Each structure stands twice: as structure tokens, then as C-alpha cells.
Amino acid sequence: MLRVKEGDLDKLGLLFERYKRPLFGFFYGMTKDAELCEDLVQNVFFRILKYRYLFRGEGDFKTWMFHIARNVNHDHFRKNKWKLKESLENWEERLGTDENRATEFQQDEEMQLLSMAMERLPEDKREILMLSKFQDKKYKEIGEIIGCSEGAVKVKVFRALQELKEVYRELEKHL
């Protein structure tokens, strides 16, 4: 990133290739819309290019990048005020063809239930779970991304998991 900051813009392509998948995973966990995720990843790298002069090189690049990603996500939600969509496309194909169809169906149902529970969480709790559980970020790194202490991140993750469990149980009761 320091080379990009100094004007070697070809290195941005290397950064894009290295970090597009983790960013896509983060956005997909937040939106469940692959096409939108691709656009949001592009927006992150546009902002990295636009604000490259702000990168100091003192901290970890990934932390700075995910801070930008978080802002891109918030800006998109605020600008478009859209709701997450629940996708049940190709449900027949997901049933499978082998003898373990019932087991696969149950696992798929549990994953959909978990996905629905995640979607019902407030955005801040969904975001903290995406960073900690699906992006494998350390609490200290998450604290740097969202602007709070490591201890506060631990509390936020714990509370988000508790609420996720409650929402999951409620959904389970109604199905």
C-alpha cells in the first residue's frame, strides 16, 4: 500500500487480487447479494485509490481496508435504504439426489434458519459477527476497524451471539 501511496498505481491491482475475496465474503455476509458485493468491493478499491494519501503505514493495511469497507457498506445502506433479500432460488437442486437427502435437507434448513436469524439482527451486531466469526479477525483488529477497545469488542461479540441464539430459537419455534 505504501507503494500505491507513493504513486505506483500498478500495485493496486496486486492488492485487489489479494484482498477481493475476504472483502467479498464480508459484504456477502452482510447483504446476501453477490452482484451487489462485487460493486461494493470495487467501491472499496476506488476509495483506497482516492484516499491513498491518508494511509500512514503505521497500522495494518487490512485494518485500514476493512474500515473503508465498513464505511462503504454503511453508505450503501443509508443511500439506498434497502432490505436484505432472502433467496430460495433453485431449491429443488439443493435437495440432492443421494440417500442422505433428509440429512442434507435438515442441514440446509438449519443454515437457512441461521441465515434468517443473522438477517434479523441489527446491522451493528451482524457486522461484528461477520468480522469475528466469518472473517476470522482478532478482537484487537476489529476494535481498530470499528473504533473501540478490544474489551468492548469482546462484549459486543458476546451480546451479538446471545441475540443470534435468541432469534434462532424464536425462528425454530415458528417453523
N, C-alpha and C. Protein backbone atom coordinates (compact mmCIF):
# COMPACT_ATOMS: atom_id res chain seq x y z
N MET A 1 0.83 -1.19 0.00
CA MET A 1 0.00 0.00 0.00
C MET A 1 0.87 1.24 0.00
N LEU A 2 2.02 1.17 0.65
CA LEU A 2 2.91 2.33 0.67
C LEU A 2 3.38 2.67 -0.75
N ARG A 3 3.57 1.64 -1.57
CA ARG A 3 3.98 1.88 -2.98
C ARG A 3 2.85 2.57 -3.74
N VAL A 4 1.60 2.16 -3.48
CA VAL A 4 0.45 2.80 -4.12
C VAL A 4 0.38 4.27 -3.69
N LYS A 5 0.60 4.50 -2.41
CA LYS A 5 0.56 5.85 -1.88
C LYS A 5 1.61 6.74 -2.55
N GLU A 6 2.76 6.14 -2.85
CA GLU A 6 3.85 6.89 -3.49
C GLU A 6 3.63 7.09 -4.98
N GLY A 7 2.55 6.51 -5.53
CA GLY A 7 2.25 6.74 -6.93
C GLY A 7 2.38 5.52 -7.83
N ASP A 8 2.82 4.39 -7.30
CA ASP A 8 2.94 3.17 -8.09
C ASP A 8 1.57 2.49 -8.12
N LEU A 9 0.68 3.00 -8.98
CA LEU A 9 -0.71 2.57 -9.00
C LEU A 9 -0.88 1.15 -9.52
N ASP A 10 0.13 0.60 -10.20
CA ASP A 10 0.05 -0.79 -10.66
C ASP A 10 -0.05 -1.76 -9.48
N LYS A 11 0.47 -1.37 -8.34
CA LYS A 11 0.44 -2.24 -7.16
C LYS A 11 -0.97 -2.37 -6.59
N LEU A 12 -1.87 -1.46 -6.97
CA LEU A 12 -3.25 -1.57 -6.50
C LEU A 12 -3.89 -2.85 -7.04
N GLY A 13 -3.53 -3.24 -8.25
CA GLY A 13 -4.04 -4.49 -8.83
C GLY A 13 -3.64 -5.69 -7.99
N LEU A 14 -2.42 -5.68 -7.48
CA LEU A 14 -1.94 -6.75 -6.61
C LEU A 14 -2.75 -6.79 -5.32
N LEU A 15 -2.99 -5.62 -4.75
CA LEU A 15 -3.80 -5.55 -3.53
C LEU A 15 -5.22 -6.05 -3.80
N PHE A 16 -5.76 -5.68 -4.95
CA PHE A 16 -7.11 -6.12 -5.32
C PHE A 16 -7.16 -7.64 -5.40
N GLU A 17 -6.20 -8.25 -6.08
CA GLU A 17 -6.18 -9.71 -6.22
C GLU A 17 -6.03 -10.39 -4.86
N ARG A 18 -5.28 -9.80 -3.98
CA ARG A 18 -5.03 -10.40 -2.67
C ARG A 18 -6.22 -10.29 -1.73
N TYR A 19 -6.98 -9.19 -1.81
CA TYR A 19 -7.99 -8.93 -0.80
C TYR A 19 -9.43 -8.92 -1.30
N LYS A 20 -9.67 -9.18 -2.59
CA LYS A 20 -11.04 -9.12 -3.08
C LYS A 20 -11.92 -10.21 -2.47
N ARG A 21 -11.36 -11.40 -2.23
CA ARG A 21 -12.18 -12.48 -1.66
C ARG A 21 -12.60 -12.23 -0.23
N PRO A 22 -11.67 -11.82 0.66
CA PRO A 22 -12.13 -11.53 2.03
C PRO A 22 -13.16 -10.40 2.07
N LEU A 23 -12.98 -9.39 1.23
CA LEU A 23 -13.95 -8.30 1.18
C LEU A 23 -15.30 -8.79 0.66
N PHE A 24 -15.26 -9.60 -0.39
CA PHE A 24 -16.50 -10.15 -0.93
C PHE A 24 -17.23 -10.96 0.14
N GLY A 25 -16.48 -11.78 0.89
CA GLY A 25 -17.08 -12.58 1.96
C GLY A 25 -17.72 -11.71 3.03
N PHE A 26 -17.06 -10.63 3.37
CA PHE A 26 -17.61 -9.71 4.37
C PHE A 26 -18.92 -9.11 3.86
N PHE A 27 -18.90 -8.60 2.63
CA PHE A 27 -20.10 -7.98 2.09
C PHE A 27 -21.21 -9.00 1.86
N TYR A 28 -20.86 -10.21 1.44
CA TYR A 28 -21.89 -11.22 1.20
C TYR A 28 -22.58 -11.59 2.51
N GLY A 29 -21.81 -11.66 3.57
CA GLY A 29 -22.40 -11.94 4.88
C GLY A 29 -23.34 -10.84 5.34
N MET A 30 -23.12 -9.64 4.85
CA MET A 30 -23.96 -8.52 5.24
C MET A 30 -25.17 -8.36 4.32
N THR A 31 -25.03 -8.72 3.03
CA THR A 31 -26.09 -8.39 2.07
C THR A 31 -26.75 -9.59 1.41
N LYS A 32 -26.06 -10.71 1.29
CA LYS A 32 -26.56 -11.91 0.60
C LYS A 32 -26.87 -11.64 -0.88
N ASP A 33 -26.17 -10.69 -1.48
CA ASP A 33 -26.39 -10.34 -2.88
C ASP A 33 -25.03 -10.28 -3.58
N ALA A 34 -24.70 -11.33 -4.33
CA ALA A 34 -23.37 -11.46 -4.93
C ALA A 34 -23.06 -10.30 -5.89
N GLU A 35 -24.02 -9.92 -6.69
CA GLU A 35 -23.78 -8.83 -7.66
C GLU A 35 -23.48 -7.52 -6.93
N LEU A 36 -24.24 -7.24 -5.89
CA LEU A 36 -24.00 -6.05 -5.10
C LEU A 36 -22.63 -6.11 -4.43
N CYS A 37 -22.25 -7.29 -3.95
CA CYS A 37 -20.96 -7.45 -3.29
C CYS A 37 -19.81 -7.08 -4.21
N GLU A 38 -19.92 -7.50 -5.47
CA GLU A 38 -18.88 -7.15 -6.44
C GLU A 38 -18.76 -5.64 -6.58
N ASP A 39 -19.90 -4.96 -6.63
CA ASP A 39 -19.89 -3.50 -6.72
C ASP A 39 -19.28 -2.87 -5.47
N LEU A 40 -19.63 -3.39 -4.31
CA LEU A 40 -19.10 -2.84 -3.07
C LEU A 40 -17.59 -3.04 -2.95
N VAL A 41 -17.11 -4.20 -3.39
CA VAL A 41 -15.65 -4.45 -3.39
C VAL A 41 -14.97 -3.43 -4.30
N GLN A 42 -15.55 -3.20 -5.48
CA GLN A 42 -14.99 -2.19 -6.39
C GLN A 42 -14.98 -0.82 -5.73
N ASN A 43 -16.06 -0.49 -5.02
CA ASN A 43 -16.12 0.81 -4.33
C ASN A 43 -15.03 0.94 -3.28
N VAL A 44 -14.73 -0.15 -2.59
CA VAL A 44 -13.66 -0.11 -1.58
C VAL A 44 -12.34 0.25 -2.26
N PHE A 45 -12.03 -0.41 -3.37
CA PHE A 45 -10.75 -0.14 -4.02
C PHE A 45 -10.73 1.23 -4.70
N PHE A 46 -11.88 1.71 -5.12
CA PHE A 46 -11.95 3.08 -5.62
C PHE A 46 -11.59 4.05 -4.50
N ARG A 47 -12.15 3.81 -3.31
CA ARG A 47 -11.85 4.70 -2.18
C ARG A 47 -10.40 4.55 -1.72
N ILE A 48 -9.87 3.34 -1.79
CA ILE A 48 -8.45 3.16 -1.43
C ILE A 48 -7.59 4.02 -2.35
N LEU A 49 -7.91 4.00 -3.64
CA LEU A 49 -7.17 4.81 -4.59
C LEU A 49 -7.38 6.30 -4.31
N LYS A 50 -8.62 6.68 -4.11
CA LYS A 50 -8.95 8.09 -3.89
C LYS A 50 -8.32 8.65 -2.62
N TYR A 51 -8.30 7.83 -1.56
CA TYR A 51 -7.82 8.31 -0.26
C TYR A 51 -6.46 7.71 0.12
N ARG A 52 -5.69 7.27 -0.87
CA ARG A 52 -4.40 6.64 -0.59
C ARG A 52 -3.46 7.54 0.21
N TYR A 53 -3.59 8.84 0.03
CA TYR A 53 -2.73 9.77 0.76
C TYR A 53 -2.99 9.74 2.27
N LEU A 54 -4.16 9.21 2.69
CA LEU A 54 -4.50 9.14 4.12
C LEU A 54 -3.87 7.94 4.81
N PHE A 55 -3.41 6.96 4.03
CA PHE A 55 -2.80 5.78 4.64
C PHE A 55 -1.43 6.17 5.17
N ARG A 56 -1.23 5.96 6.46
CA ARG A 56 0.02 6.39 7.10
C ARG A 56 1.07 5.29 7.12
N GLY A 57 0.63 4.04 7.05
CA GLY A 57 1.58 2.95 7.09
C GLY A 57 1.95 2.53 8.50
N GLU A 58 1.34 3.17 9.48
CA GLU A 58 1.66 2.84 10.88
C GLU A 58 0.93 1.58 11.33
N GLY A 59 -0.28 1.38 10.86
CA GLY A 59 -1.07 0.21 11.25
C GLY A 59 -1.12 -0.81 10.13
N ASP A 60 -1.92 -1.81 10.34
CA ASP A 60 -2.08 -2.89 9.37
C ASP A 60 -2.96 -2.41 8.21
N PHE A 61 -2.55 -2.69 6.98
CA PHE A 61 -3.32 -2.30 5.80
C PHE A 61 -4.72 -2.92 5.83
N LYS A 62 -4.83 -4.22 6.21
CA LYS A 62 -6.13 -4.89 6.22
C LYS A 62 -7.11 -4.18 7.15
N THR A 63 -6.63 -3.70 8.26
CA THR A 63 -7.49 -2.99 9.20
C THR A 63 -8.00 -1.71 8.56
N TRP A 64 -7.10 -0.98 7.91
CA TRP A 64 -7.49 0.26 7.22
C TRP A 64 -8.49 -0.06 6.11
N MET A 65 -8.24 -1.12 5.36
CA MET A 65 -9.11 -1.52 4.25
C MET A 65 -10.50 -1.90 4.77
N PHE A 66 -10.57 -2.69 5.85
CA PHE A 66 -11.88 -3.08 6.38
C PHE A 66 -12.61 -1.90 7.00
N HIS A 67 -11.88 -0.92 7.47
CA HIS A 67 -12.53 0.30 7.96
C HIS A 67 -13.21 1.00 6.78
N ILE A 68 -12.54 1.05 5.65
CA ILE A 68 -13.13 1.63 4.44
C ILE A 68 -14.33 0.78 4.00
N ALA A 69 -14.18 -0.55 4.04
CA ALA A 69 -15.27 -1.45 3.63
C ALA A 69 -16.50 -1.23 4.50
N ARG A 70 -16.28 -1.06 5.75
CA ARG A 70 -17.38 -0.81 6.68
C ARG A 70 -18.10 0.48 6.31
N ASN A 71 -17.34 1.51 5.99
CA ASN A 71 -17.94 2.79 5.58
C ASN A 71 -18.70 2.66 4.26
N VAL A 72 -18.14 1.90 3.32
CA VAL A 72 -18.82 1.67 2.05
C VAL A 72 -20.16 0.98 2.30
N ASN A 73 -20.15 -0.02 3.17
CA ASN A 73 -21.38 -0.74 3.49
C ASN A 73 -22.42 0.18 4.13
N HIS A 74 -21.99 0.96 5.11
CA HIS A 74 -22.91 1.90 5.77
C HIS A 74 -23.46 2.92 4.79
N ASP A 75 -22.59 3.45 3.94
CA ASP A 75 -23.03 4.44 2.96
C ASP A 75 -24.06 3.85 2.02
N HIS A 76 -23.83 2.61 1.60
CA HIS A 76 -24.77 1.97 0.68
C HIS A 76 -26.14 1.79 1.35
N PHE A 77 -26.14 1.28 2.58
CA PHE A 77 -27.42 1.09 3.29
C PHE A 77 -28.14 2.42 3.47
N ARG A 78 -27.40 3.42 3.87
CA ARG A 78 -28.00 4.73 4.13
C ARG A 78 -28.55 5.34 2.83
N LYS A 79 -27.80 5.19 1.77
CA LYS A 79 -28.17 5.79 0.49
C LYS A 79 -29.37 5.09 -0.15
N ASN A 80 -29.41 3.78 -0.08
CA ASN A 80 -30.43 3.03 -0.79
C ASN A 80 -31.58 2.53 0.07
N LYS A 81 -31.37 2.50 1.38
CA LYS A 81 -32.41 2.06 2.32
C LYS A 81 -33.12 0.80 1.84
N TRP A 82 -32.34 -0.19 1.53
CA TRP A 82 -32.93 -1.43 1.02
C TRP A 82 -32.88 -2.51 2.08
N LYS A 83 -33.74 -3.46 1.92
CA LYS A 83 -33.82 -4.58 2.85
C LYS A 83 -33.07 -5.77 2.27
N LEU A 84 -32.55 -6.59 3.14
CA LEU A 84 -31.88 -7.80 2.68
C LEU A 84 -32.89 -8.75 2.07
N LYS A 85 -32.49 -9.41 1.01
CA LYS A 85 -33.43 -10.34 0.41
C LYS A 85 -33.09 -11.78 0.78
N GLU A 86 -34.12 -12.53 0.88
CA GLU A 86 -33.99 -13.94 1.22
C GLU A 86 -34.10 -14.73 -0.07
N SER A 87 -33.07 -15.50 -0.35
CA SER A 87 -33.06 -16.21 -1.62
C SER A 87 -33.37 -17.69 -1.43
N LEU A 88 -34.40 -18.14 -2.11
CA LEU A 88 -34.74 -19.56 -2.09
C LEU A 88 -34.70 -20.12 -3.51
N GLU A 89 -33.84 -19.48 -4.35
CA GLU A 89 -33.74 -19.91 -5.73
C GLU A 89 -33.17 -21.32 -5.81
N ASN A 90 -33.57 -22.04 -6.82
CA ASN A 90 -33.06 -23.38 -7.12
C ASN A 90 -33.20 -24.33 -5.94
N TRP A 91 -34.29 -24.25 -5.22
CA TRP A 91 -34.44 -25.08 -4.03
C TRP A 91 -34.49 -26.56 -4.38
N GLU A 92 -35.02 -26.90 -5.55
CA GLU A 92 -35.09 -28.30 -5.94
C GLU A 92 -33.68 -28.88 -6.14
N GLU A 93 -32.78 -28.08 -6.70
CA GLU A 93 -31.41 -28.54 -6.94
C GLU A 93 -30.67 -28.77 -5.63
N ARG A 94 -30.99 -27.99 -4.62
CA ARG A 94 -30.31 -28.12 -3.34
C ARG A 94 -30.73 -29.36 -2.55
N LEU A 95 -31.80 -30.01 -2.97
CA LEU A 95 -32.25 -31.20 -2.25
C LEU A 95 -31.30 -32.37 -2.43
N GLY A 96 -30.57 -32.41 -3.52
CA GLY A 96 -29.63 -33.50 -3.75
C GLY A 96 -30.33 -34.73 -4.32
N THR A 97 -29.52 -35.73 -4.68
CA THR A 97 -30.09 -36.92 -5.30
C THR A 97 -29.71 -38.21 -4.58
N ASP A 98 -28.87 -38.15 -3.56
CA ASP A 98 -28.46 -39.40 -2.91
C ASP A 98 -29.37 -39.77 -1.74
N GLU A 99 -29.01 -40.87 -1.08
CA GLU A 99 -29.85 -41.37 0.03
C GLU A 99 -29.83 -40.47 1.25
N ASN A 100 -28.87 -39.59 1.34
CA ASN A 100 -28.77 -38.70 2.51
C ASN A 100 -29.56 -37.41 2.31
N ARG A 101 -30.56 -37.48 1.48
CA ARG A 101 -31.35 -36.30 1.16
C ARG A 101 -31.97 -35.66 2.41
N ALA A 102 -32.47 -36.46 3.31
CA ALA A 102 -33.10 -35.93 4.53
C ALA A 102 -32.07 -35.19 5.39
N THR A 103 -30.88 -35.77 5.53
CA THR A 103 -29.83 -35.12 6.30
C THR A 103 -29.41 -33.81 5.64
N GLU A 104 -29.23 -33.85 4.33
CA GLU A 104 -28.85 -32.64 3.60
C GLU A 104 -29.93 -31.58 3.73
N PHE A 105 -31.17 -32.00 3.64
CA PHE A 105 -32.27 -31.06 3.74
C PHE A 105 -32.29 -30.42 5.12
N GLN A 106 -32.06 -31.23 6.16
CA GLN A 106 -32.05 -30.70 7.53
C GLN A 106 -30.89 -29.71 7.71
N GLN A 107 -29.70 -30.06 7.19
CA GLN A 107 -28.57 -29.15 7.30
C GLN A 107 -28.82 -27.85 6.54
N ASP A 108 -29.41 -27.98 5.35
CA ASP A 108 -29.72 -26.80 4.56
C ASP A 108 -30.76 -25.94 5.28
N GLU A 109 -31.73 -26.58 5.89
CA GLU A 109 -32.77 -25.86 6.64
C GLU A 109 -32.14 -25.13 7.83
N GLU A 110 -31.21 -25.77 8.52
CA GLU A 110 -30.54 -25.14 9.65
C GLU A 110 -29.71 -23.95 9.18
N MET A 111 -29.04 -24.09 8.04
CA MET A 111 -28.24 -22.99 7.51
C MET A 111 -29.15 -21.82 7.10
N GLN A 112 -30.30 -22.14 6.52
CA GLN A 112 -31.24 -21.08 6.14
C GLN A 112 -31.79 -20.40 7.39
N LEU A 113 -32.04 -21.18 8.41
CA LEU A 113 -32.53 -20.62 9.66
C LEU A 113 -31.47 -19.69 10.28
N LEU A 114 -30.22 -20.14 10.25
CA LEU A 114 -29.13 -19.30 10.76
C LEU A 114 -28.99 -18.04 9.92
N SER A 115 -29.10 -18.18 8.63
CA SER A 115 -29.03 -17.03 7.74
C SER A 115 -30.16 -16.05 8.02
N MET A 116 -31.36 -16.57 8.20
CA MET A 116 -32.51 -15.71 8.53
C MET A 116 -32.30 -15.02 9.87
N ALA A 117 -31.76 -15.75 10.84
CA ALA A 117 -31.50 -15.16 12.15
C ALA A 117 -30.47 -14.04 12.03
N MET A 118 -29.42 -14.27 11.24
CA MET A 118 -28.40 -13.24 11.03
C MET A 118 -29.02 -12.00 10.40
N GLU A 119 -29.90 -12.21 9.42
CA GLU A 119 -30.52 -11.08 8.73
C GLU A 119 -31.41 -10.26 9.66
N ARG A 120 -31.94 -10.89 10.69
CA ARG A 120 -32.84 -10.18 11.62
C ARG A 120 -32.09 -9.44 12.72
N LEU A 121 -30.80 -9.67 12.81
CA LEU A 121 -30.01 -8.93 13.79
C LEU A 121 -29.85 -7.48 13.33
N PRO A 122 -29.69 -6.57 14.28
CA PRO A 122 -29.37 -5.20 13.88
C PRO A 122 -28.04 -5.19 13.11
N GLU A 123 -27.87 -4.24 12.24
CA GLU A 123 -26.70 -4.20 11.37
C GLU A 123 -25.39 -4.24 12.15
N ASP A 124 -25.29 -3.52 13.26
CA ASP A 124 -24.04 -3.48 14.02
C ASP A 124 -23.69 -4.86 14.58
N LYS A 125 -24.68 -5.61 15.02
CA LYS A 125 -24.41 -6.95 15.57
C LYS A 125 -24.07 -7.94 14.46
N ARG A 126 -24.74 -7.82 13.33
CA ARG A 126 -24.44 -8.68 12.19
C ARG A 126 -23.01 -8.41 11.71
N GLU A 127 -22.66 -7.14 11.68
CA GLU A 127 -21.32 -6.75 11.22
C GLU A 127 -20.23 -7.31 12.14
N ILE A 128 -20.43 -7.20 13.44
CA ILE A 128 -19.40 -7.67 14.38
C ILE A 128 -19.25 -9.18 14.29
N LEU A 129 -20.35 -9.90 14.07
CA LEU A 129 -20.26 -11.35 13.90
C LEU A 129 -19.58 -11.71 12.59
N MET A 130 -19.85 -10.95 11.54
CA MET A 130 -19.20 -11.21 10.25
C MET A 130 -17.69 -11.03 10.38
N LEU A 131 -17.28 -9.98 11.05
CA LEU A 131 -15.84 -9.73 11.20
C LEU A 131 -15.17 -10.77 12.09
N SER A 132 -15.82 -11.13 13.20
CA SER A 132 -15.17 -12.03 14.15
C SER A 132 -15.29 -13.50 13.77
N LYS A 133 -16.43 -13.93 13.31
CA LYS A 133 -16.66 -15.35 13.07
C LYS A 133 -16.43 -15.79 11.63
N PHE A 134 -16.69 -14.91 10.67
CA PHE A 134 -16.58 -15.32 9.27
C PHE A 134 -15.34 -14.76 8.58
N GLN A 135 -14.80 -13.65 9.09
CA GLN A 135 -13.58 -13.10 8.53
C GLN A 135 -12.37 -13.42 9.42
N ASP A 136 -12.63 -14.09 10.55
CA ASP A 136 -11.57 -14.50 11.48
C ASP A 136 -10.66 -13.36 11.93
N LYS A 137 -11.25 -12.20 12.12
CA LYS A 137 -10.47 -11.06 12.61
C LYS A 137 -10.30 -11.20 14.12
N LYS A 138 -9.16 -10.78 14.59
CA LYS A 138 -8.90 -10.78 16.03
C LYS A 138 -9.63 -9.59 16.65
N TYR A 139 -9.98 -9.72 17.92
CA TYR A 139 -10.74 -8.67 18.59
C TYR A 139 -10.03 -7.33 18.55
N LYS A 140 -8.71 -7.35 18.69
CA LYS A 140 -7.95 -6.10 18.65
C LYS A 140 -8.10 -5.44 17.28
N GLU A 141 -8.02 -6.23 16.23
CA GLU A 141 -8.15 -5.71 14.87
C GLU A 141 -9.57 -5.16 14.63
N ILE A 142 -10.57 -5.86 15.13
CA ILE A 142 -11.95 -5.39 14.99
C ILE A 142 -12.12 -4.07 15.72
N GLY A 143 -11.51 -3.97 16.89
CA GLY A 143 -11.56 -2.72 17.65
C GLY A 143 -10.99 -1.55 16.86
N GLU A 144 -9.89 -1.80 16.14
CA GLU A 144 -9.30 -0.75 15.31
C GLU A 144 -10.23 -0.39 14.15
N ILE A 145 -10.91 -1.40 13.60
CA ILE A 145 -11.80 -1.16 12.47
C ILE A 145 -13.01 -0.34 12.88
N ILE A 146 -13.63 -0.71 14.01
CA ILE A 146 -14.87 -0.03 14.39
C ILE A 146 -14.67 1.08 15.43
N GLY A 147 -13.44 1.25 15.87
CA GLY A 147 -13.14 2.36 16.76
C GLY A 147 -13.52 2.16 18.21
N CYS A 148 -13.16 0.99 18.77
CA CYS A 148 -13.41 0.77 20.20
C CYS A 148 -12.32 -0.15 20.75
N SER A 149 -12.34 -0.39 22.04
CA SER A 149 -11.31 -1.20 22.67
C SER A 149 -11.54 -2.69 22.40
N GLU A 150 -10.50 -3.46 22.63
CA GLU A 150 -10.59 -4.92 22.47
C GLU A 150 -11.63 -5.49 23.43
N GLY A 151 -11.65 -4.98 24.65
CA GLY A 151 -12.63 -5.44 25.63
C GLY A 151 -14.06 -5.15 25.19
N ALA A 152 -14.27 -3.98 24.61
CA ALA A 152 -15.61 -3.63 24.12
C ALA A 152 -16.03 -4.56 22.98
N VAL A 153 -15.06 -4.95 22.15
CA VAL A 153 -15.36 -5.87 21.05
C VAL A 153 -15.81 -7.21 21.62
N LYS A 154 -15.12 -7.70 22.65
CA LYS A 154 -15.49 -8.98 23.27
C LYS A 154 -16.94 -8.93 23.76
N VAL A 155 -17.29 -7.84 24.40
CA VAL A 155 -18.65 -7.67 24.92
C VAL A 155 -19.64 -7.64 23.77
N LYS A 156 -19.31 -6.89 22.72
CA LYS A 156 -20.21 -6.77 21.57
C LYS A 156 -20.42 -8.12 20.89
N VAL A 157 -19.34 -8.90 20.74
CA VAL A 157 -19.45 -10.23 20.12
C VAL A 157 -20.32 -11.14 20.99
N PHE A 158 -20.08 -11.12 22.30
CA PHE A 158 -20.86 -11.94 23.21
C PHE A 158 -22.34 -11.59 23.12
N ARG A 159 -22.64 -10.31 23.16
CA ARG A 159 -24.05 -9.87 23.10
C ARG A 159 -24.68 -10.20 21.75
N ALA A 160 -23.91 -10.05 20.68
CA ALA A 160 -24.43 -10.38 19.35
C ALA A 160 -24.72 -11.87 19.24
N LEU A 161 -23.84 -12.70 19.80
CA LEU A 161 -24.08 -14.15 19.78
C LEU A 161 -25.30 -14.52 20.61
N GLN A 162 -25.47 -13.87 21.75
CA GLN A 162 -26.64 -14.12 22.59
C GLN A 162 -27.91 -13.77 21.84
N GLU A 163 -27.92 -12.62 21.19
CA GLU A 163 -29.12 -12.21 20.46
C GLU A 163 -29.36 -13.14 19.27
N LEU A 164 -28.28 -13.58 18.62
CA LEU A 164 -28.42 -14.51 17.49
C LEU A 164 -29.06 -15.81 17.97
N LYS A 165 -28.63 -16.31 19.11
CA LYS A 165 -29.22 -17.53 19.67
C LYS A 165 -30.71 -17.34 19.94
N GLU A 166 -31.08 -16.20 20.52
CA GLU A 166 -32.48 -15.93 20.82
C GLU A 166 -33.32 -15.88 19.54
N VAL A 167 -32.83 -15.17 18.55
CA VAL A 167 -33.55 -15.04 17.28
C VAL A 167 -33.67 -16.40 16.62
N TYR A 168 -32.60 -17.18 16.65
CA TYR A 168 -32.60 -18.52 16.05
C TYR A 168 -33.66 -19.40 16.72
N ARG A 169 -33.69 -19.38 18.06
CA ARG A 169 -34.67 -20.18 18.80
C ARG A 169 -36.10 -19.76 18.47
N GLU A 170 -36.33 -18.47 18.36
CA GLU A 170 -37.67 -17.98 18.01
C GLU A 170 -38.08 -18.45 16.62
N LEU A 171 -37.16 -18.37 15.69
CA LEU A 171 -37.46 -18.83 14.33
C LEU A 171 -37.72 -20.32 14.32
N GLU A 172 -36.96 -21.05 15.10
CA GLU A 172 -37.10 -22.51 15.18
C GLU A 172 -38.49 -22.88 15.72
N LYS A 173 -38.98 -22.12 16.70
CA LYS A 173 -40.30 -22.38 17.28
C LYS A 173 -41.41 -22.19 16.25
N HIS A 174 -41.25 -21.22 15.38
CA HIS A 174 -42.29 -20.87 14.43
C HIS A 174 -42.24 -21.70 13.16
N LEU A 175 -41.24 -22.54 13.03
CA LEU A 175 -41.17 -23.36 11.81
C LEU A 175 -41.54 -24.79 12.08
